C-alpha atoms as a PDB file:
ATOM      1  CA  MET A   1       9.319 -23.079   5.343  1.00  0.00           C
ATOM      2  CA  SER A   2       5.575 -23.011   4.810  1.00  0.00           C
ATOM      3  CA  GLU A   3       2.863 -21.706   7.047  1.00  0.00           C
ATOM      4  CA  ARG A   4      -0.834 -21.037   6.894  1.00  0.00           C
ATOM      5  CA  ILE A   5      -1.896 -17.481   7.396  1.00  0.00           C
ATOM      6  CA  SER A   6      -5.285 -16.274   8.555  1.00  0.00           C
ATOM      7  CA  HIS A   7      -6.907 -15.979   5.117  1.00  0.00           C
ATOM      8  CA  ASN A   8      -6.055 -19.619   4.284  1.00  0.00           C
ATOM      9  CA  ARG A   9      -3.412 -18.813   1.672  1.00  0.00           C
ATOM     10  CA  TYR A  10      -0.175 -20.702   1.826  1.00  0.00           C
ATOM     11  CA  VAL A  11       3.018 -18.730   2.203  1.00  0.00           C
ATOM     12  CA  SER A  12       5.990 -20.630   0.860  1.00  0.00           C
ATOM     13  CA  ASP A  13       9.642 -19.854   0.366  1.00  0.00           C
ATOM     14  CA  GLY A  14      10.144 -22.918  -1.829  1.00  0.00           C
ATOM     15  CA  LEU A  15       9.078 -23.652  -5.375  1.00  0.00           C
ATOM     16  CA  HIS A  16       6.693 -26.441  -6.240  1.00  0.00           C
ATOM     17  CA  PRO A  17       8.369 -29.395  -8.031  1.00  0.00           C
ATOM     18  CA  HIS A  18       6.335 -28.672 -11.186  1.00  0.00           C
ATOM     19  CA  VAL A  19       8.097 -25.313 -11.483  1.00  0.00           C
ATOM     20  CA  TYR A  20      11.460 -27.075 -11.505  1.00  0.00           C
ATOM     21  CA  LEU A  21      10.185 -29.469 -14.177  1.00  0.00           C
ATOM     22  CA  ALA A  22       9.122 -26.486 -16.300  1.00  0.00           C
ATOM     23  CA  MET A  23      12.608 -24.984 -15.907  1.00  0.00           C
ATOM     24  CA  VAL A  24      14.228 -28.244 -17.012  1.00  0.00           C
ATOM     25  CA  GLY A  25      11.830 -28.496 -19.947  1.00  0.00           C
ATOM     26  CA  LEU A  26      12.634 -24.970 -21.121  1.00  0.00           C
ATOM     27  CA  ALA A  27      16.374 -25.647 -20.838  1.00  0.00           C
ATOM     28  CA  ALA A  28      15.958 -28.814 -22.907  1.00  0.00           C
ATOM     29  CA  TRP A  29      13.855 -26.907 -25.456  1.00  0.00           C
ATOM     30  CA  TYR A  30      16.628 -24.324 -25.763  1.00  0.00           C
ATOM     31  CA  ALA A  31      19.279 -26.996 -26.381  1.00  0.00           C
ATOM     32  CA  LEU A  32      17.139 -28.879 -28.895  1.00  0.00           C
ATOM     33  CA  SER A  33      16.336 -25.674 -30.766  1.00  0.00           C
ATOM     34  CA  ALA A  34      20.027 -24.809 -30.978  1.00  0.00           C
ATOM     35  CA  TRP A  35      20.832 -28.263 -32.335  1.00  0.00           C
ATOM     36  CA  ALA A  36      17.935 -28.173 -34.813  1.00  0.00           C
ATOM     37  CA  GLY A  37      18.872 -24.770 -36.144  1.00  0.00           C
ATOM     38  CA  PHE A  38      22.639 -24.826 -36.162  1.00  0.00           C
ATOM     39  CA  GLY A  39      23.813 -28.452 -36.063  1.00  0.00           C
ATOM     40  CA  ASP A  40      25.400 -29.082 -39.433  1.00  0.00           C
ATOM     41  CA  GLY A  41      28.457 -31.149 -38.682  1.00  0.00           C
ATOM     42  CA  GLY A  42      32.051 -30.248 -38.068  1.00  0.00           C
ATOM     43  CA  TYR A  43      33.193 -27.557 -35.683  1.00  0.00           C
ATOM     44  CA  THR A  44      29.673 -26.224 -35.065  1.00  0.00           C
ATOM     45  CA  ASP A  45      28.614 -29.533 -33.563  1.00  0.00           C
ATOM     46  CA  TYR A  46      31.583 -29.413 -31.185  1.00  0.00           C
ATOM     47  CA  LEU A  47      30.444 -25.996 -29.939  1.00  0.00           C
ATOM     48  CA  LEU A  48      26.876 -27.279 -29.561  1.00  0.00           C
ATOM     49  CA  VAL A  49      28.158 -30.199 -27.474  1.00  0.00           C
ATOM     50  CA  VAL A  50      29.959 -27.735 -25.196  1.00  0.00           C
ATOM     51  CA  MET A  51      26.819 -25.569 -24.947  1.00  0.00           C
ATOM     52  CA  THR A  52      24.677 -28.600 -24.179  1.00  0.00           C
ATOM     53  CA  GLY A  53      27.167 -29.671 -21.506  1.00  0.00           C
ATOM     54  CA  PHE A  54      26.889 -26.273 -19.824  1.00  0.00           C
ATOM     55  CA  ILE A  55      23.104 -26.518 -19.867  1.00  0.00           C
ATOM     56  CA  ILE A  56      23.191 -30.031 -18.403  1.00  0.00           C
ATOM     57  CA  ILE A  57      25.541 -28.887 -15.639  1.00  0.00           C
ATOM     58  CA  SER A  58      23.429 -25.816 -14.881  1.00  0.00           C
ATOM     59  CA  VAL A  59      20.368 -28.037 -14.482  1.00  0.00           C
ATOM     60  CA  ALA A  60      22.081 -30.952 -12.718  1.00  0.00           C
ATOM     61  CA  LEU A  61      23.888 -29.029  -9.966  1.00  0.00           C
ATOM     62  CA  PRO A  62      20.749 -27.454  -8.445  1.00  0.00           C
ATOM     63  CA  ALA A  63      18.907 -30.776  -8.835  1.00  0.00           C
ATOM     64  CA  ILE A  64      21.645 -32.620  -6.941  1.00  0.00           C
ATOM     65  CA  ALA A  65      21.734 -29.931  -4.253  1.00  0.00           C
ATOM     66  CA  ALA A  66      17.949 -30.126  -3.833  1.00  0.00           C
ATOM     67  CA  ARG A  67      18.050 -33.922  -3.562  1.00  0.00           C
ATOM     68  CA  VAL A  68      20.751 -33.784  -0.884  1.00  0.00           C
ATOM     69  CA  TRP A  69      18.800 -31.114   1.009  1.00  0.00           C
ATOM     70  CA  LEU A  70      15.586 -33.175   0.870  1.00  0.00           C
ATOM     71  CA  GLN A  71      17.382 -36.252   2.201  1.00  0.00           C
ATOM     72  CA  HIS A  72      18.501 -34.317   5.284  1.00  0.00           C
ATOM     73  CA  HIS A  73      15.254 -32.479   6.024  1.00  0.00           C
ATOM     74  CA  ARG A  74      11.961 -34.061   6.798  1.00  0.00           C
ATOM     75  CA  ARG A  75       8.979 -33.037   4.763  1.00  0.00           C
ATOM     76  CA  THR A  76       6.044 -31.580   6.584  1.00  0.00           C
ATOM     77  CA  PRO A  77       2.436 -31.970   5.465  1.00  0.00           C
ATOM     78  CA  ALA A  78       2.369 -28.263   4.551  1.00  0.00           C
ATOM     79  CA  THR A  79       4.972 -28.811   1.821  1.00  0.00           C
ATOM     80  CA  ALA A  80       3.186 -31.831   0.332  1.00  0.00           C
ATOM     81  CA  ARG A  81       0.390 -29.792  -1.269  1.00  0.00           C
ATOM     82  CA  SER A  82      -0.901 -29.652  -4.811  1.00  0.00           C
ATOM     83  CA  PHE A  83       0.300 -27.300  -7.505  1.00  0.00           C
ATOM     84  CA  GLU A  84      -3.067 -25.536  -7.449  1.00  0.00           C
ATOM     85  CA  ASP A  85      -2.687 -24.828  -3.720  1.00  0.00           C
ATOM     86  CA  TRP A  86       0.818 -23.507  -4.294  1.00  0.00           C
ATOM     87  CA  MET A  87      -0.376 -21.259  -7.139  1.00  0.00           C
ATOM     88  CA  ALA A  88      -3.216 -19.863  -4.995  1.00  0.00           C
ATOM     89  CA  GLY A  89      -0.761 -18.954  -2.231  1.00  0.00           C
ATOM     90  CA  GLU A  90       2.003 -16.451  -1.777  1.00  0.00           C
ATOM     91  CA  PHE A  91       5.736 -16.756  -2.304  1.00  0.00           C
ATOM     92  CA  GLU A  92       8.200 -15.325   0.193  1.00  0.00           C
ATOM     93  CA  THR A  93      11.106 -13.457  -1.378  1.00  0.00           C
ATOM     94  CA  GLY A  94      13.931 -11.524   0.201  1.00  0.00           C
ATOM     95  CA  GLN A  95      12.051  -8.287  -0.418  1.00  0.00           C
ATOM     96  CA  GLY A  96       8.615  -9.436   0.739  1.00  0.00           C
ATOM     97  CA  ARG A  97       5.717 -11.571  -0.365  1.00  0.00           C
ATOM     98  CA  VAL A  98       4.349 -11.793  -3.872  1.00  0.00           C
ATOM     99  CA  SER A  99       1.632 -13.999  -5.261  1.00  0.00           C
ATOM    100  CA  ALA A 100       2.863 -17.391  -6.389  1.00  0.00           C
ATOM    101  CA  LYS A 101       1.512 -16.702  -9.886  1.00  0.00           C
ATOM    102  CA  THR A 102       3.662 -13.573 -10.118  1.00  0.00           C
ATOM    103  CA  ALA A 103       6.696 -15.477  -8.862  1.00  0.00           C
ATOM    104  CA  LEU A 104       6.079 -18.224 -11.409  1.00  0.00           C
ATOM    105  CA  ILE A 105       5.864 -15.730 -14.268  1.00  0.00           C
ATOM    106  CA  GLU A 106       8.982 -13.878 -13.114  1.00  0.00           C
ATOM    107  CA  LEU A 107      10.919 -17.149 -12.921  1.00  0.00           C
ATOM    108  CA  LEU A 108       9.806 -18.770 -16.152  1.00  0.00           C
ATOM    109  CA  LEU A 109       9.449 -15.755 -18.452  1.00  0.00           C
ATOM    110  CA  PRO A 110      13.196 -15.218 -19.078  1.00  0.00           C
ATOM    111  CA  LEU A 111      13.747 -18.933 -19.670  1.00  0.00           C
ATOM    112  CA  ALA A 112      10.766 -19.141 -22.003  1.00  0.00           C
ATOM    113  CA  ALA A 113      11.905 -16.042 -23.909  1.00  0.00           C
ATOM    114  CA  VAL A 114      15.340 -17.555 -24.497  1.00  0.00           C
ATOM    115  CA  ALA A 115      13.922 -20.953 -25.504  1.00  0.00           C
ATOM    116  CA  PHE A 116      11.329 -19.470 -27.870  1.00  0.00           C
ATOM    117  CA  GLY A 117      13.883 -16.979 -29.219  1.00  0.00           C
ATOM    118  CA  MET A 118      16.295 -19.793 -30.037  1.00  0.00           C
ATOM    119  CA  THR A 119      13.440 -21.607 -31.787  1.00  0.00           C
ATOM    120  CA  ALA A 120      12.826 -18.504 -33.897  1.00  0.00           C
ATOM    121  CA  PHE A 121      16.554 -18.232 -34.701  1.00  0.00           C
ATOM    122  CA  ALA A 122      16.609 -21.922 -35.634  1.00  0.00           C
ATOM    123  CA  ILE A 123      13.673 -21.500 -38.002  1.00  0.00           C
ATOM    124  CA  VAL A 124      15.269 -18.479 -39.663  1.00  0.00           C
ATOM    125  CA  ALA A 125      18.624 -20.276 -39.930  1.00  0.00           C
ATOM    126  CA  ARG A 126      17.004 -23.293 -41.593  1.00  0.00           C
ATOM    127  CA  LEU A 127      14.986 -21.149 -43.993  1.00  0.00           C
ATOM    128  CA  ALA A 128      18.029 -19.035 -44.928  1.00  0.00           C
ATOM    129  CA  GLY A 129      20.314 -22.024 -45.361  1.00  0.00           C
END
């Protein structure tokens, strides 16, 4: 649901598609970092395949659900706006409205921390090994 409020800022309860792409990118970064740092053959690779499968499933299930939802709901012109418009607006949460920038940071920061942390672990593992 999106609506215009009196000061011309969008209020949205849905994320812009670019945010989802960033989430997928960070998940892929995490998996690639794990493989680069700890993939050495044998049993470790088996565990990395399982971990990568969990990441793929955790990304694919919401993507499939979103695609099914979009097929059954018509898009309105208010939802077909640019990323800049979405970022300038507000995001509706269960506890109230926050700026879209704040929502974006709160969503992506944990994923980025894990992806960058795994990159750091991978670098240390390669340097130590």
